[in-house]
């Protein structure tokens, strides 16, 4: 197995310290923003009217299954 030169090792360490060694590369920023957006979306409050409609739907589903 080929050994890394001192310069190659220093370059790799520098990339790692700077965050450039991330396996996703430029996609890591996209992944971070998507996760942030998803977390915000999941934590949003469900409007009362929407919750009422979901409740009504859940109540009518069992009645429809009996038919």
Foldseek 3Di string as FASTA:
>chain_A
DDDDDPVRVVVCVVCVVVVCNPPCHPCVVVVVVVVVVVVVVVPDDDDPVVVVVVVVVVVVVVVVVVD
